[in-house]
Amino acid sequence: TARLVADGREYICVLRDISATGVKIKLFHPLPDWSRLQLELDGDERHDMTVAWAAGDHAGLRFVDAVGAGTTKGGAHPRRPLRIAVDRPAVLLVHGDTAPARLVNLSQQGACIETRVHLRLRERLRLDSGPMGEMSVTVCWRDRPRYGLVFEQGFKLDQLARMLNDLRAPAVE
């Protein structure tokens, strides 16, 4: 998996083929509109891209600068699960009360949120952010005002990609 970044918005894609000059990717939704397109490989390395072709749920992208086919082999550290940045309002349901929160990022297994409400480690609560629906979550880490939440039931990669695309719709605050 990799991140496709279109004008700062992050999307999930799967690398199907890579060479020194380009990649073939699989998307889970139409190729987004962009003025600047980048591909993020191995968590922090972003490469400027141009579109060579797009057909259905696949696209061929060219590196603006050749990078070499060994770019995605990874380093000595295990790869962290893919997290996609989002900036969207959410509502926490804690012990019958509601509290505002902001989604920071999402992965298949959890989310990072910001909230002014003090949450306890291992506290179970519900999270609602529109297209995701209401979900049961548990607080797994905190660095106030940020909290890490693990989903009671995670997402398949294609489910997460489609849901993230739905979250791109303007939020009503």
Protein backbone atom coordinates (compact mmCIF):
# COMPACT_ATOMS: atom_id res chain seq x y z
CA THR A 1 0.00 0.00 0.00
CA ALA A 2 1.04 3.60 -0.53
CA ARG A 3 -0.36 7.12 -0.24
CA LEU A 4 -1.39 9.07 -3.28
CA VAL A 5 -1.35 12.78 -2.39
CA ALA A 6 -3.43 15.08 -4.59
CA ASP A 7 -3.08 18.75 -3.61
CA GLY A 8 -2.40 17.77 0.00
CA ARG A 9 -5.33 15.31 0.28
CA GLU A 10 -4.27 11.74 1.00
CA TYR A 11 -5.71 8.63 -0.67
CA ILE A 12 -4.95 4.93 -0.37
CA CYS A 13 -3.57 3.05 -3.36
CA VAL A 14 -1.87 -0.29 -3.95
CA LEU A 15 1.36 -0.52 -5.93
CA ARG A 16 1.00 -3.08 -8.72
CA ASP A 17 4.28 -2.50 -10.55
CA ILE A 18 7.23 -0.16 -10.09
CA SER A 19 10.24 0.80 -12.17
CA ALA A 20 12.81 3.59 -12.19
CA THR A 21 10.46 5.72 -14.29
CA GLY A 22 6.99 5.02 -12.91
CA VAL A 23 4.37 2.89 -11.17
CA LYS A 24 1.08 1.19 -11.86
CA ILE A 25 -1.38 1.71 -9.01
CA LYS A 26 -4.78 0.34 -8.08
CA LEU A 27 -7.30 2.80 -6.66
CA PHE A 28 -10.60 2.15 -4.91
CA HIS A 29 -12.35 5.18 -6.42
CA PRO A 30 -11.89 7.47 -9.43
CA LEU A 31 -8.53 9.22 -9.75
CA PRO A 32 -8.95 12.49 -7.80
CA ASP A 33 -8.61 15.91 -9.41
CA TRP A 34 -5.25 17.54 -8.76
CA SER A 35 -2.85 20.27 -9.72
CA ARG A 36 0.04 18.59 -7.84
CA LEU A 37 0.22 14.82 -7.57
CA GLN A 38 2.66 12.93 -5.34
CA LEU A 39 3.20 9.33 -4.32
CA GLU A 40 4.39 8.63 -0.79
CA LEU A 41 6.47 5.50 -0.43
CA ASP A 42 7.74 3.91 2.78
CA GLY A 43 6.06 6.41 5.09
CA ASP A 44 7.90 9.65 4.42
CA GLU A 45 9.38 9.73 0.94
CA ARG A 46 7.17 11.76 -1.44
CA HIS A 47 7.75 11.77 -5.19
CA ASP A 48 6.20 14.19 -7.69
CA MET A 49 4.21 12.30 -10.32
CA THR A 50 2.47 12.83 -13.65
CA VAL A 51 -0.37 10.68 -14.98
CA ALA A 52 0.56 8.57 -18.02
CA TRP A 53 -2.83 6.84 -18.25
CA ALA A 54 -5.91 5.98 -16.19
CA ALA A 55 -8.43 3.20 -16.84
CA GLY A 56 -11.09 2.09 -14.39
CA ASP A 57 -9.54 1.51 -10.98
CA HIS A 58 -5.92 1.51 -12.23
CA ALA A 59 -3.55 4.29 -13.28
CA GLY A 60 -0.02 4.57 -14.63
CA LEU A 61 2.05 7.32 -13.03
CA ARG A 62 5.48 8.60 -14.05
CA PHE A 63 8.08 9.90 -11.62
CA VAL A 64 9.03 13.49 -12.42
CA ASP A 65 12.57 12.47 -11.34
CA ALA A 66 13.71 8.83 -11.76
CA VAL A 67 14.05 7.15 -8.35
CA GLY A 68 15.09 3.55 -9.00
CA ALA A 69 13.09 0.36 -8.65
CA GLY A 70 14.55 -0.44 -5.19
CA THR A 71 12.81 2.52 -3.56
CA THR A 72 10.05 0.49 -1.86
CA LYS A 73 12.17 -2.26 -0.32
CA GLY A 74 11.96 -0.69 3.14
CA GLY A 75 14.55 -0.25 5.82
CA ALA A 76 15.60 -2.07 8.98
CA HIS A 77 12.47 -1.00 10.88
CA PRO A 78 9.12 -2.74 10.49
CA ARG A 79 6.63 -0.79 8.41
CA ARG A 80 3.95 1.01 10.38
CA PRO A 81 0.32 0.45 9.28
CA LEU A 82 -0.83 3.02 6.73
CA ARG A 83 -2.48 6.07 8.29
CA ILE A 84 -4.29 8.64 6.18
CA ALA A 85 -4.54 12.24 7.35
CA VAL A 86 -8.05 13.62 7.66
CA ASP A 87 -9.32 16.84 9.17
CA ARG A 88 -12.94 16.33 10.02
CA PRO A 89 -15.25 17.06 12.95
CA ALA A 90 -16.45 14.11 14.99
CA VAL A 91 -18.62 13.49 18.03
CA LEU A 92 -17.65 11.35 21.00
CA LEU A 93 -20.33 9.57 22.99
CA VAL A 94 -18.95 9.04 26.48
CA HIS A 95 -21.15 7.71 29.32
CA GLY A 96 -24.33 9.15 27.76
CA ASP A 97 -22.81 12.58 27.07
CA THR A 98 -21.60 13.95 23.73
CA ALA A 99 -18.37 15.88 23.21
CA PRO A 100 -16.82 17.49 20.13
CA ALA A 101 -13.66 16.01 18.63
CA ARG A 102 -11.62 16.26 15.45
CA LEU A 103 -10.38 13.30 13.42
CA VAL A 104 -6.65 13.65 12.73
CA ASN A 105 -5.98 10.38 10.89
CA LEU A 106 -7.48 6.97 10.17
CA SER A 107 -6.09 3.48 9.64
CA GLN A 108 -7.67 0.08 9.18
CA GLN A 109 -7.49 -0.54 12.93
CA GLY A 110 -8.04 2.85 14.51
CA ALA A 111 -7.97 6.63 14.55
CA CYS A 112 -6.21 9.58 16.09
CA ILE A 113 -8.48 12.32 17.41
CA GLU A 114 -8.12 15.65 19.17
CA THR A 115 -10.55 16.64 21.91
CA ARG A 116 -10.61 18.85 25.00
CA VAL A 117 -12.35 16.09 26.94
CA HIS A 118 -10.08 14.07 29.23
CA LEU A 119 -10.26 10.39 28.26
CA ARG A 120 -8.87 7.52 30.29
CA LEU A 121 -6.66 4.79 28.86
CA ARG A 122 -8.68 1.67 27.96
CA GLU A 123 -11.89 3.70 28.20
CA ARG A 124 -14.59 2.42 25.84
CA LEU A 125 -16.69 4.97 23.98
CA ARG A 126 -18.43 5.63 20.64
CA LEU A 127 -17.14 7.77 17.81
CA ASP A 128 -19.33 9.30 15.10
CA SER A 129 -18.04 11.20 12.06
CA GLY A 130 -20.72 11.12 9.41
CA PRO A 131 -19.95 8.59 6.64
CA MET A 132 -18.16 6.28 9.09
CA GLY A 133 -21.28 5.89 11.16
CA GLU A 134 -21.15 5.36 14.89
CA MET A 135 -18.33 3.04 15.96
CA SER A 136 -17.25 1.41 19.21
CA VAL A 137 -13.67 2.35 20.10
CA THR A 138 -11.20 2.01 22.98
CA VAL A 139 -8.60 4.60 24.00
CA CYS A 140 -5.18 2.99 23.55
CA TRP A 141 -2.85 5.99 24.03
CA ARG A 142 -3.04 9.66 24.91
CA ASP A 143 -0.90 12.74 24.52
CA ARG A 144 -3.47 15.38 25.33
CA PRO A 145 -5.24 16.78 23.43
CA ARG A 146 -4.55 13.85 21.06
CA TYR A 147 -5.82 10.34 21.67
CA GLY A 148 -5.30 7.07 19.86
CA LEU A 149 -8.41 4.95 19.41
CA VAL A 150 -8.61 1.33 18.34
CA PHE A 151 -11.77 0.20 16.54
CA GLU A 152 -13.75 -2.70 17.97
CA GLN A 153 -14.18 -3.84 14.37
CA GLY A 154 -11.60 -2.72 11.81
CA PHE A 155 -11.88 -2.12 8.08
CA LYS A 156 -10.69 -3.99 5.03
CA LEU A 157 -8.33 -1.87 2.93
CA ASP A 158 -10.89 -1.27 0.17
CA GLN A 159 -13.57 -0.32 2.75
CA LEU A 160 -11.23 2.20 4.36
CA ALA A 161 -10.24 3.69 0.98
CA ARG A 162 -13.86 4.16 -0.08
CA MET A 163 -14.85 5.58 3.30
CA LEU A 164 -11.96 8.06 3.21
CA ASN A 165 -13.09 9.16 -0.23
CA ASP A 166 -16.61 9.72 1.18
CA LEU A 167 -15.11 11.75 4.05
CA ARG A 168 -13.71 14.18 1.46
CA ALA A 169 -17.21 15.59 1.04
CA PRO A 170 -17.53 18.92 2.86
CA ALA A 171 -18.43 18.45 6.51
CA VAL A 172 -21.25 20.38 8.15
CA GLU A 173 -19.96 21.84 11.39
